[in-house]
């Protein structure tokens, strides 16, 4: 019986999945995560007075760059022709946190879930890097896939998350 873990061959050795026989389809993935911090750190981000500058702007660019470099970071990921990346950040004063949401798209033979998750992680790590002088106790948490569309396995949406079919606009467009 073959393993459901496609990154291992019949002998249990790591392998890059063969996607040559798959159809090229429009693939979309959305992921999210949060970084919690002291209220004073959040105030620095909101006011734009952090020592290193525009925290959210730099984190957005870092997340986009990370999307394009995912195959360099995750050993068995295929390099993909990314067709679109949208990264949004939301301030949540009630929990003193910043939420990152990444949407990645491609026309390809494999999905972009890892690219969306990588974008979120690197975006949040960049917030940490830019604010660590003010708050070393920040916590990154809740990074997870919200949705994936396209491909042989079909669409998937996280429990409790509304599907965003056809949504093309974002607050940073």
N, C-alpha and C. Protein backbone atom coordinates (compact mmCIF):
# COMPACT_ATOMS: atom_id res chain seq x y z
N UNK A 1 0.85 -1.19 0.00
CA UNK A 1 0.00 0.00 0.00
C UNK A 1 0.89 1.25 0.00
N UNK A 2 0.69 2.15 -0.96
CA UNK A 2 1.53 3.34 -1.01
C UNK A 2 1.23 4.30 0.16
N UNK A 3 2.24 5.02 0.55
CA UNK A 3 2.10 5.98 1.65
C UNK A 3 1.27 7.17 1.19
N UNK A 4 0.39 7.71 2.07
CA UNK A 4 -0.34 8.92 1.73
C UNK A 4 0.58 10.15 1.74
N UNK A 5 1.78 9.98 2.25
CA UNK A 5 2.76 11.07 2.27
C UNK A 5 3.53 11.02 0.96
N UNK A 6 3.18 11.88 0.05
CA UNK A 6 3.70 11.81 -1.32
C UNK A 6 5.17 12.19 -1.46
N UNK A 7 5.75 12.75 -0.42
CA UNK A 7 7.16 13.13 -0.49
C UNK A 7 8.11 12.00 -0.08
N UNK A 8 7.56 10.77 0.02
CA UNK A 8 8.38 9.59 0.31
C UNK A 8 8.09 8.52 -0.73
N UNK A 9 9.14 7.83 -1.17
CA UNK A 9 8.94 6.74 -2.13
C UNK A 9 8.58 5.46 -1.36
N UNK A 10 8.45 4.35 -2.07
CA UNK A 10 8.04 3.08 -1.47
C UNK A 10 9.02 2.59 -0.41
N UNK A 11 10.26 3.03 -0.48
CA UNK A 11 11.28 2.63 0.50
C UNK A 11 11.43 3.65 1.64
N UNK A 12 10.58 4.68 1.63
CA UNK A 12 10.63 5.68 2.69
C UNK A 12 11.65 6.78 2.48
N UNK A 13 12.21 6.86 1.30
CA UNK A 13 13.20 7.90 0.99
C UNK A 13 12.50 9.17 0.52
N UNK A 14 13.05 10.32 0.89
CA UNK A 14 12.49 11.60 0.46
C UNK A 14 12.56 11.71 -1.06
N UNK A 15 11.53 12.28 -1.64
CA UNK A 15 11.50 12.48 -3.08
C UNK A 15 10.71 13.74 -3.40
N UNK A 16 11.02 14.34 -4.53
CA UNK A 16 10.21 15.44 -5.04
C UNK A 16 9.09 14.80 -5.85
N UNK A 17 7.86 15.18 -5.58
CA UNK A 17 6.70 14.59 -6.24
C UNK A 17 6.75 14.88 -7.74
N UNK A 18 6.44 13.86 -8.53
CA UNK A 18 6.37 14.03 -9.99
C UNK A 18 5.02 14.63 -10.35
N UNK A 19 5.03 15.86 -10.86
CA UNK A 19 3.78 16.52 -11.23
C UNK A 19 3.60 16.60 -12.75
N UNK A 20 4.47 15.92 -13.49
CA UNK A 20 4.44 16.01 -14.95
C UNK A 20 3.10 15.60 -15.54
N UNK A 21 2.42 14.65 -14.95
CA UNK A 21 1.16 14.17 -15.49
C UNK A 21 -0.06 14.98 -15.06
N UNK A 22 0.15 15.96 -14.20
CA UNK A 22 -0.98 16.76 -13.72
C UNK A 22 -1.32 17.85 -14.73
N UNK A 23 -2.58 18.25 -14.73
CA UNK A 23 -3.01 19.34 -15.60
C UNK A 23 -2.58 20.69 -15.03
N UNK A 24 -2.30 21.61 -15.92
CA UNK A 24 -2.05 23.00 -15.53
C UNK A 24 -3.42 23.63 -15.25
N UNK A 25 -3.60 24.10 -14.02
CA UNK A 25 -4.85 24.75 -13.64
C UNK A 25 -4.54 26.01 -12.83
N UNK A 26 -5.56 26.85 -12.67
CA UNK A 26 -5.44 28.03 -11.82
C UNK A 26 -5.48 27.55 -10.37
N UNK A 27 -4.46 27.87 -9.61
CA UNK A 27 -4.35 27.42 -8.22
C UNK A 27 -4.26 28.64 -7.32
N UNK A 28 -4.95 28.58 -6.20
CA UNK A 28 -5.00 29.68 -5.24
C UNK A 28 -4.85 29.11 -3.85
N UNK A 29 -4.12 29.81 -3.01
CA UNK A 29 -4.06 29.45 -1.59
C UNK A 29 -4.06 30.73 -0.76
N UNK A 30 -4.75 30.67 0.38
CA UNK A 30 -4.73 31.77 1.35
C UNK A 30 -4.31 31.22 2.69
N UNK A 31 -3.47 31.98 3.38
CA UNK A 31 -2.99 31.59 4.71
C UNK A 31 -3.01 32.81 5.62
N UNK A 32 -2.95 32.55 6.91
CA UNK A 32 -2.97 33.65 7.87
C UNK A 32 -2.15 33.29 9.11
N UNK A 33 -1.89 34.27 9.93
CA UNK A 33 -1.22 34.11 11.21
C UNK A 33 -1.17 35.44 11.94
N UNK A 34 -0.77 35.42 13.20
CA UNK A 34 -0.74 36.62 14.02
C UNK A 34 0.60 36.76 14.73
N UNK A 35 0.92 37.99 15.06
CA UNK A 35 2.01 38.26 15.99
C UNK A 35 1.44 39.13 17.09
N UNK A 36 1.53 38.64 18.33
CA UNK A 36 1.03 39.38 19.50
C UNK A 36 2.19 40.11 20.16
N UNK A 37 1.88 41.27 20.70
CA UNK A 37 2.93 42.14 21.24
C UNK A 37 2.38 43.02 22.34
N UNK A 38 3.27 43.77 22.96
CA UNK A 38 2.86 44.75 23.95
C UNK A 38 2.06 45.85 23.26
N UNK A 39 1.07 46.41 23.94
CA UNK A 39 0.31 47.52 23.35
C UNK A 39 1.21 48.68 22.91
N UNK A 40 2.28 48.94 23.64
CA UNK A 40 3.19 50.03 23.26
C UNK A 40 3.91 49.73 21.94
N UNK A 41 4.19 48.46 21.69
CA UNK A 41 4.83 48.06 20.42
C UNK A 41 3.84 48.23 19.27
N UNK A 42 2.61 47.83 19.50
CA UNK A 42 1.58 48.01 18.48
C UNK A 42 1.38 49.49 18.17
N UNK A 43 1.45 50.32 19.18
CA UNK A 43 1.32 51.77 18.97
C UNK A 43 2.46 52.31 18.10
N UNK A 44 3.67 51.78 18.29
CA UNK A 44 4.80 52.18 17.43
C UNK A 44 4.53 51.83 15.97
N UNK A 45 4.01 50.64 15.75
CA UNK A 45 3.71 50.19 14.39
C UNK A 45 2.64 51.08 13.77
N UNK A 46 1.57 51.32 14.51
CA UNK A 46 0.46 52.13 13.99
C UNK A 46 0.87 53.57 13.71
N UNK A 47 1.72 54.12 14.55
CA UNK A 47 2.11 55.52 14.38
C UNK A 47 3.19 55.71 13.33
N UNK A 48 3.83 54.62 12.95
CA UNK A 48 4.92 54.74 11.97
C UNK A 48 6.21 55.27 12.57
N UNK A 49 6.33 55.21 13.89
CA UNK A 49 7.52 55.78 14.55
C UNK A 49 8.50 54.71 15.02
N UNK A 50 8.35 53.49 14.53
CA UNK A 50 9.33 52.46 14.87
C UNK A 50 10.69 52.88 14.34
N UNK A 51 11.74 52.58 15.07
CA UNK A 51 13.10 52.99 14.72
C UNK A 51 13.49 52.60 13.30
N UNK A 52 13.07 51.43 12.87
CA UNK A 52 13.47 50.94 11.55
C UNK A 52 12.54 51.37 10.43
N UNK A 53 11.49 52.16 10.74
CA UNK A 53 10.63 52.70 9.69
C UNK A 53 9.27 52.05 9.59
N UNK A 54 8.74 51.99 8.37
CA UNK A 54 7.40 51.50 8.07
C UNK A 54 7.36 49.98 8.21
N UNK A 55 7.00 49.51 9.38
CA UNK A 55 7.04 48.08 9.69
C UNK A 55 6.14 47.29 8.74
N UNK A 56 4.92 47.71 8.57
CA UNK A 56 3.98 46.96 7.75
C UNK A 56 4.40 46.98 6.27
N UNK A 57 4.86 48.10 5.79
CA UNK A 57 5.31 48.19 4.40
C UNK A 57 6.48 47.26 4.11
N UNK A 58 7.46 47.24 5.00
CA UNK A 58 8.62 46.37 4.81
C UNK A 58 8.21 44.90 4.95
N UNK A 59 7.33 44.61 5.92
CA UNK A 59 6.88 43.23 6.11
C UNK A 59 6.11 42.73 4.88
N UNK A 60 5.34 43.60 4.25
CA UNK A 60 4.60 43.21 3.04
C UNK A 60 5.58 42.83 1.93
N UNK A 61 6.60 43.65 1.72
CA UNK A 61 7.58 43.35 0.67
C UNK A 61 8.34 42.06 1.01
N UNK A 62 8.69 41.87 2.26
CA UNK A 62 9.38 40.64 2.67
C UNK A 62 8.52 39.41 2.41
N UNK A 63 7.23 39.51 2.70
CA UNK A 63 6.32 38.38 2.47
C UNK A 63 6.23 38.05 0.99
N UNK A 64 6.17 39.07 0.16
CA UNK A 64 6.10 38.84 -1.29
C UNK A 64 7.40 38.20 -1.78
N UNK A 65 8.53 38.71 -1.31
CA UNK A 65 9.81 38.10 -1.69
C UNK A 65 9.89 36.65 -1.26
N UNK A 66 9.44 36.36 -0.05
CA UNK A 66 9.49 34.99 0.47
C UNK A 66 8.64 34.05 -0.38
N UNK A 67 7.51 34.54 -0.85
CA UNK A 67 6.66 33.72 -1.71
C UNK A 67 7.45 33.23 -2.91
N UNK A 68 8.21 34.13 -3.51
CA UNK A 68 8.97 33.79 -4.71
C UNK A 68 10.17 32.89 -4.42
N UNK A 69 10.58 32.79 -3.15
CA UNK A 69 11.76 32.00 -2.78
C UNK A 69 11.41 30.72 -2.03
N UNK A 70 10.16 30.37 -1.96
CA UNK A 70 9.74 29.20 -1.18
C UNK A 70 10.49 27.94 -1.58
N UNK A 71 10.65 27.69 -2.86
CA UNK A 71 11.34 26.47 -3.31
C UNK A 71 12.80 26.44 -2.86
N UNK A 72 13.39 27.61 -2.59
CA UNK A 72 14.75 27.66 -2.07
C UNK A 72 14.81 27.35 -0.57
N UNK A 73 13.68 27.50 0.10
CA UNK A 73 13.63 27.32 1.55
C UNK A 73 13.10 25.96 1.99
N UNK A 74 12.12 25.44 1.24
CA UNK A 74 11.49 24.16 1.58
C UNK A 74 12.01 23.13 0.58
N UNK A 75 12.82 22.18 1.02
CA UNK A 75 13.58 21.32 0.11
C UNK A 75 12.81 20.62 -1.00
N UNK A 76 11.59 20.15 -0.75
CA UNK A 76 10.90 19.36 -1.75
C UNK A 76 9.79 20.12 -2.49
N UNK A 77 9.76 21.44 -2.32
CA UNK A 77 8.80 22.27 -3.06
C UNK A 77 9.28 22.50 -4.48
N UNK A 78 8.32 22.51 -5.39
CA UNK A 78 8.64 22.82 -6.79
C UNK A 78 8.75 24.34 -6.95
N UNK A 79 9.70 24.81 -7.74
CA UNK A 79 9.70 26.24 -8.08
C UNK A 79 8.50 26.51 -8.99
N UNK A 80 7.73 27.52 -8.66
CA UNK A 80 6.49 27.79 -9.38
C UNK A 80 6.48 29.17 -10.00
N UNK A 81 5.81 29.30 -11.14
CA UNK A 81 5.63 30.63 -11.73
C UNK A 81 4.46 31.34 -11.04
N UNK A 82 4.77 32.08 -10.03
CA UNK A 82 3.73 32.78 -9.26
C UNK A 82 3.14 33.87 -10.15
N UNK A 83 1.81 33.90 -10.24
CA UNK A 83 1.15 34.90 -11.07
C UNK A 83 0.61 36.07 -10.27
N UNK A 84 0.41 35.87 -8.96
CA UNK A 84 -0.13 36.95 -8.14
C UNK A 84 0.14 36.66 -6.67
N UNK A 85 0.49 37.72 -5.94
CA UNK A 85 0.63 37.65 -4.49
C UNK A 85 0.00 38.91 -3.90
N UNK A 86 -0.88 38.72 -2.94
CA UNK A 86 -1.48 39.83 -2.22
C UNK A 86 -1.25 39.56 -0.74
N UNK A 87 -0.66 40.52 -0.04
CA UNK A 87 -0.41 40.37 1.39
C UNK A 87 -1.05 41.54 2.11
N UNK A 88 -1.92 41.24 3.06
CA UNK A 88 -2.58 42.26 3.86
C UNK A 88 -2.20 42.09 5.32
N UNK A 89 -2.20 43.20 6.03
CA UNK A 89 -1.97 43.20 7.47
C UNK A 89 -3.13 43.92 8.12
N UNK A 90 -3.61 43.37 9.23
CA UNK A 90 -4.70 43.98 9.99
C UNK A 90 -4.22 44.19 11.42
N UNK A 91 -4.52 45.35 11.96
CA UNK A 91 -4.21 45.66 13.35
C UNK A 91 -5.40 45.25 14.21
N UNK A 92 -5.14 44.53 15.28
CA UNK A 92 -6.18 44.14 16.23
C UNK A 92 -5.80 44.70 17.59
N UNK A 93 -6.31 45.88 17.89
CA UNK A 93 -5.97 46.54 19.16
C UNK A 93 -6.46 45.74 20.37
N UNK A 94 -7.61 45.09 20.25
CA UNK A 94 -8.19 44.39 21.40
C UNK A 94 -7.29 43.25 21.88
N UNK A 95 -6.54 42.63 20.98
CA UNK A 95 -5.63 41.56 21.41
C UNK A 95 -4.16 41.97 21.22
N UNK A 96 -3.93 43.23 20.91
CA UNK A 96 -2.58 43.77 20.72
C UNK A 96 -1.79 42.88 19.76
N UNK A 97 -2.33 42.75 18.55
CA UNK A 97 -1.74 41.85 17.57
C UNK A 97 -1.83 42.43 16.16
N UNK A 98 -1.00 41.88 15.31
CA UNK A 98 -1.05 42.18 13.88
C UNK A 98 -1.31 40.85 13.19
N UNK A 99 -2.31 40.84 12.32
CA UNK A 99 -2.64 39.64 11.54
C UNK A 99 -2.11 39.83 10.13
N UNK A 100 -1.53 38.78 9.59
CA UNK A 100 -1.07 38.77 8.20
C UNK A 100 -1.93 37.76 7.44
N UNK A 101 -2.39 38.16 6.25
CA UNK A 101 -3.15 37.28 5.37
C UNK A 101 -2.48 37.33 4.01
N UNK A 102 -2.12 36.18 3.47
CA UNK A 102 -1.47 36.11 2.17
C UNK A 102 -2.33 35.29 1.21
N UNK A 103 -2.45 35.78 -0.01
CA UNK A 103 -3.14 35.07 -1.08
C UNK A 103 -2.14 34.92 -2.22
N UNK A 104 -1.94 33.69 -2.67
CA UNK A 104 -0.97 33.40 -3.72
C UNK A 104 -1.69 32.65 -4.83
N UNK A 105 -1.35 32.99 -6.08
CA UNK A 105 -1.96 32.35 -7.24
C UNK A 105 -0.89 31.94 -8.25
N UNK A 106 -1.21 30.89 -9.00
CA UNK A 106 -0.35 30.44 -10.09
C UNK A 106 -1.21 29.72 -11.12
N UNK A 107 -0.67 29.56 -12.28
CA UNK A 107 -1.19 28.63 -13.29
C UNK A 107 -0.15 27.54 -13.34
N UNK A 108 -0.45 26.39 -12.76
CA UNK A 108 0.57 25.37 -12.65
C UNK A 108 0.02 23.99 -12.41
N UNK A 109 0.97 23.05 -12.17
CA UNK A 109 0.64 21.64 -11.97
C UNK A 109 0.60 21.25 -10.49
N UNK A 110 0.92 22.18 -9.63
CA UNK A 110 0.89 21.92 -8.19
C UNK A 110 0.48 23.20 -7.48
N UNK A 111 -0.01 23.04 -6.25
CA UNK A 111 -0.59 24.15 -5.53
C UNK A 111 0.42 25.10 -4.90
N UNK A 112 -0.12 26.18 -4.34
CA UNK A 112 0.71 27.24 -3.77
C UNK A 112 0.48 27.40 -2.26
N UNK A 113 0.07 26.32 -1.60
CA UNK A 113 -0.13 26.39 -0.16
C UNK A 113 1.15 26.76 0.58
N UNK A 114 2.25 26.12 0.22
CA UNK A 114 3.51 26.39 0.92
C UNK A 114 3.96 27.84 0.70
N UNK A 115 3.69 28.37 -0.49
CA UNK A 115 4.06 29.76 -0.78
C UNK A 115 3.25 30.72 0.09
N UNK A 116 1.96 30.45 0.26
CA UNK A 116 1.12 31.31 1.10
C UNK A 116 1.55 31.24 2.57
N UNK A 117 1.82 30.02 3.04
CA UNK A 117 2.27 29.85 4.43
C UNK A 117 3.64 30.51 4.65
N UNK A 118 4.53 30.39 3.68
CA UNK A 118 5.85 31.01 3.79
C UNK A 118 5.73 32.53 3.82
N UNK A 119 4.84 33.07 2.99
CA UNK A 119 4.63 34.52 2.98
C UNK A 119 4.20 35.01 4.35
N UNK A 120 3.26 34.32 4.97
CA UNK A 120 2.78 34.73 6.29
C UNK A 120 3.90 34.66 7.32
N UNK A 121 4.61 33.55 7.34
CA UNK A 121 5.69 33.39 8.34
C UNK A 121 6.74 34.49 8.19
N UNK A 122 7.19 34.72 6.98
CA UNK A 122 8.25 35.72 6.78
C UNK A 122 7.73 37.13 7.02
N UNK A 123 6.49 37.40 6.65
CA UNK A 123 5.91 38.71 6.96
C UNK A 123 5.89 38.96 8.45
N UNK A 124 5.45 37.96 9.23
CA UNK A 124 5.40 38.11 10.68
C UNK A 124 6.80 38.16 11.30
N UNK A 125 7.72 37.36 10.77
CA UNK A 125 9.10 37.42 11.26
C UNK A 125 9.72 38.80 11.00
N UNK A 126 9.34 39.42 9.91
CA UNK A 126 9.85 40.76 9.61
C UNK A 126 9.31 41.78 10.60
N UNK A 127 8.03 41.64 10.97
CA UNK A 127 7.48 42.51 12.02
C UNK A 127 8.30 42.31 13.29
N UNK A 128 8.57 41.07 13.64
CA UNK A 128 9.37 40.80 14.84
C UNK A 128 10.75 41.46 14.73
N UNK A 129 11.41 41.25 13.61
CA UNK A 129 12.75 41.81 13.43
C UNK A 129 12.76 43.33 13.56
N UNK A 130 11.77 43.97 12.99
CA UNK A 130 11.75 45.42 12.99
C UNK A 130 11.36 46.00 14.35
N UNK A 131 10.73 45.20 15.21
CA UNK A 131 10.25 45.71 16.50
C UNK A 131 10.92 45.06 17.70
N UNK A 132 11.87 44.18 17.48
CA UNK A 132 12.45 43.42 18.60
C UNK A 132 13.18 44.31 19.60
N UNK A 133 13.68 45.45 19.18
CA UNK A 133 14.36 46.35 20.13
C UNK A 133 13.37 46.88 21.17
N UNK A 134 12.10 46.97 20.80
CA UNK A 134 11.08 47.47 21.72
C UNK A 134 10.39 46.35 22.48
N UNK A 135 10.39 45.12 21.92
CA UNK A 135 9.59 44.06 22.51
C UNK A 135 10.11 42.69 22.06
N UNK A 136 10.98 42.09 22.85
CA UNK A 136 11.51 40.76 22.50
C UNK A 136 10.54 39.65 22.83
N UNK A 137 9.45 39.95 23.51
CA UNK A 137 8.48 38.93 23.92
C UNK A 137 7.34 38.72 22.94
N UNK A 138 7.43 39.28 21.75
CA UNK A 138 6.38 39.07 20.76
C UNK A 138 6.24 37.58 20.45
N UNK A 139 5.01 37.16 20.15
CA UNK A 139 4.74 35.74 19.89
C UNK A 139 4.03 35.61 18.54
N UNK A 140 4.60 34.79 17.67
CA UNK A 140 3.96 34.46 16.40
C UNK A 140 3.14 33.21 16.63
N UNK A 141 1.87 33.24 16.20
CA UNK A 141 1.00 32.09 16.46
C UNK A 141 -0.10 31.98 15.41
N UNK A 142 -0.74 30.84 15.42
CA UNK A 142 -1.93 30.64 14.61
C UNK A 142 -1.68 30.63 13.11
N UNK A 143 -0.47 30.33 12.67
CA UNK A 143 -0.21 30.29 11.23
C UNK A 143 -0.86 29.04 10.66
N UNK A 144 -1.74 29.25 9.67
CA UNK A 144 -2.44 28.10 9.08
C UNK A 144 -3.02 28.46 7.73
N UNK A 145 -3.33 27.41 6.99
CA UNK A 145 -3.95 27.56 5.69
C UNK A 145 -5.43 27.86 5.87
N UNK A 146 -5.92 28.85 5.16
CA UNK A 146 -7.34 29.19 5.18
C UNK A 146 -8.11 28.49 4.07
N UNK A 147 -7.44 28.38 2.91
CA UNK A 147 -8.15 27.87 1.75
C UNK A 147 -7.16 27.51 0.65
N UNK A 148 -7.50 26.50 -0.13
CA UNK A 148 -6.76 26.20 -1.36
C UNK A 148 -7.77 25.84 -2.42
N UNK A 149 -7.48 26.26 -3.65
CA UNK A 149 -8.37 25.97 -4.77
C UNK A 149 -7.56 25.49 -5.96
N UNK A 150 -8.19 24.64 -6.74
CA UNK A 150 -7.58 24.16 -7.97
C UNK A 150 -6.93 22.81 -7.79
N UNK A 151 -6.69 22.17 -8.91
CA UNK A 151 -5.99 20.89 -8.89
C UNK A 151 -6.91 19.70 -8.73
N UNK A 152 -6.29 18.53 -8.83
CA UNK A 152 -6.99 17.25 -8.80
C UNK A 152 -7.76 17.02 -7.50
N UNK A 153 -7.19 17.46 -6.38
CA UNK A 153 -7.85 17.20 -5.09
C UNK A 153 -8.99 18.18 -4.82
N UNK A 154 -9.16 19.18 -5.68
CA UNK A 154 -10.29 20.10 -5.54
C UNK A 154 -10.04 21.19 -4.52
N UNK A 155 -11.13 21.83 -4.14
CA UNK A 155 -11.07 22.97 -3.23
C UNK A 155 -11.13 22.50 -1.78
N UNK A 156 -10.53 23.29 -0.90
CA UNK A 156 -10.56 23.01 0.53
C UNK A 156 -10.62 24.35 1.26
N UNK A 157 -11.47 24.44 2.27
CA UNK A 157 -11.60 25.65 3.08
C UNK A 157 -11.56 25.24 4.54
N UNK A 158 -10.77 25.96 5.33
CA UNK A 158 -10.66 25.67 6.77
C UNK A 158 -12.03 25.80 7.43
N UNK A 159 -12.26 24.99 8.44
CA UNK A 159 -13.52 25.03 9.17
C UNK A 159 -13.77 26.44 9.70
N UNK A 160 -14.99 26.92 9.49
CA UNK A 160 -15.36 28.25 9.98
C UNK A 160 -14.93 29.40 9.10
N UNK A 161 -14.28 29.11 7.99
CA UNK A 161 -13.78 30.15 7.10
C UNK A 161 -14.64 30.20 5.85
N UNK A 162 -15.18 31.38 5.50
CA UNK A 162 -15.96 31.46 4.26
C UNK A 162 -15.05 31.37 3.04
N UNK A 163 -15.47 30.65 2.03
CA UNK A 163 -14.70 30.57 0.78
C UNK A 163 -14.71 31.93 0.11
N UNK A 164 -13.64 32.26 -0.56
CA UNK A 164 -13.50 33.56 -1.20
C UNK A 164 -13.52 33.45 -2.71
N UNK A 165 -14.25 32.52 -3.25
CA UNK A 165 -14.26 32.29 -4.69
C UNK A 165 -14.47 33.59 -5.45
N UNK A 166 -13.59 33.80 -6.41
CA UNK A 166 -13.71 34.96 -7.28
C UNK A 166 -13.23 36.27 -6.69
N UNK A 167 -12.89 36.28 -5.42
CA UNK A 167 -12.44 37.53 -4.81
C UNK A 167 -11.09 37.94 -5.40
N UNK A 168 -11.01 39.12 -5.92
CA UNK A 168 -9.78 39.59 -6.54
C UNK A 168 -9.25 40.86 -5.88
N UNK A 169 -10.08 41.58 -5.19
CA UNK A 169 -9.67 42.85 -4.61
C UNK A 169 -9.15 42.65 -3.20
N UNK A 170 -8.24 43.50 -2.79
CA UNK A 170 -7.77 43.49 -1.41
C UNK A 170 -7.56 44.93 -0.99
N UNK A 171 -7.38 45.15 0.28
CA UNK A 171 -7.25 46.52 0.78
C UNK A 171 -5.97 47.20 0.33
N UNK A 172 -4.99 46.44 -0.15
CA UNK A 172 -3.74 47.09 -0.55
C UNK A 172 -3.61 47.20 -2.07
N UNK A 173 -4.72 47.03 -2.80
CA UNK A 173 -4.66 47.14 -4.25
C UNK A 173 -5.12 48.52 -4.67
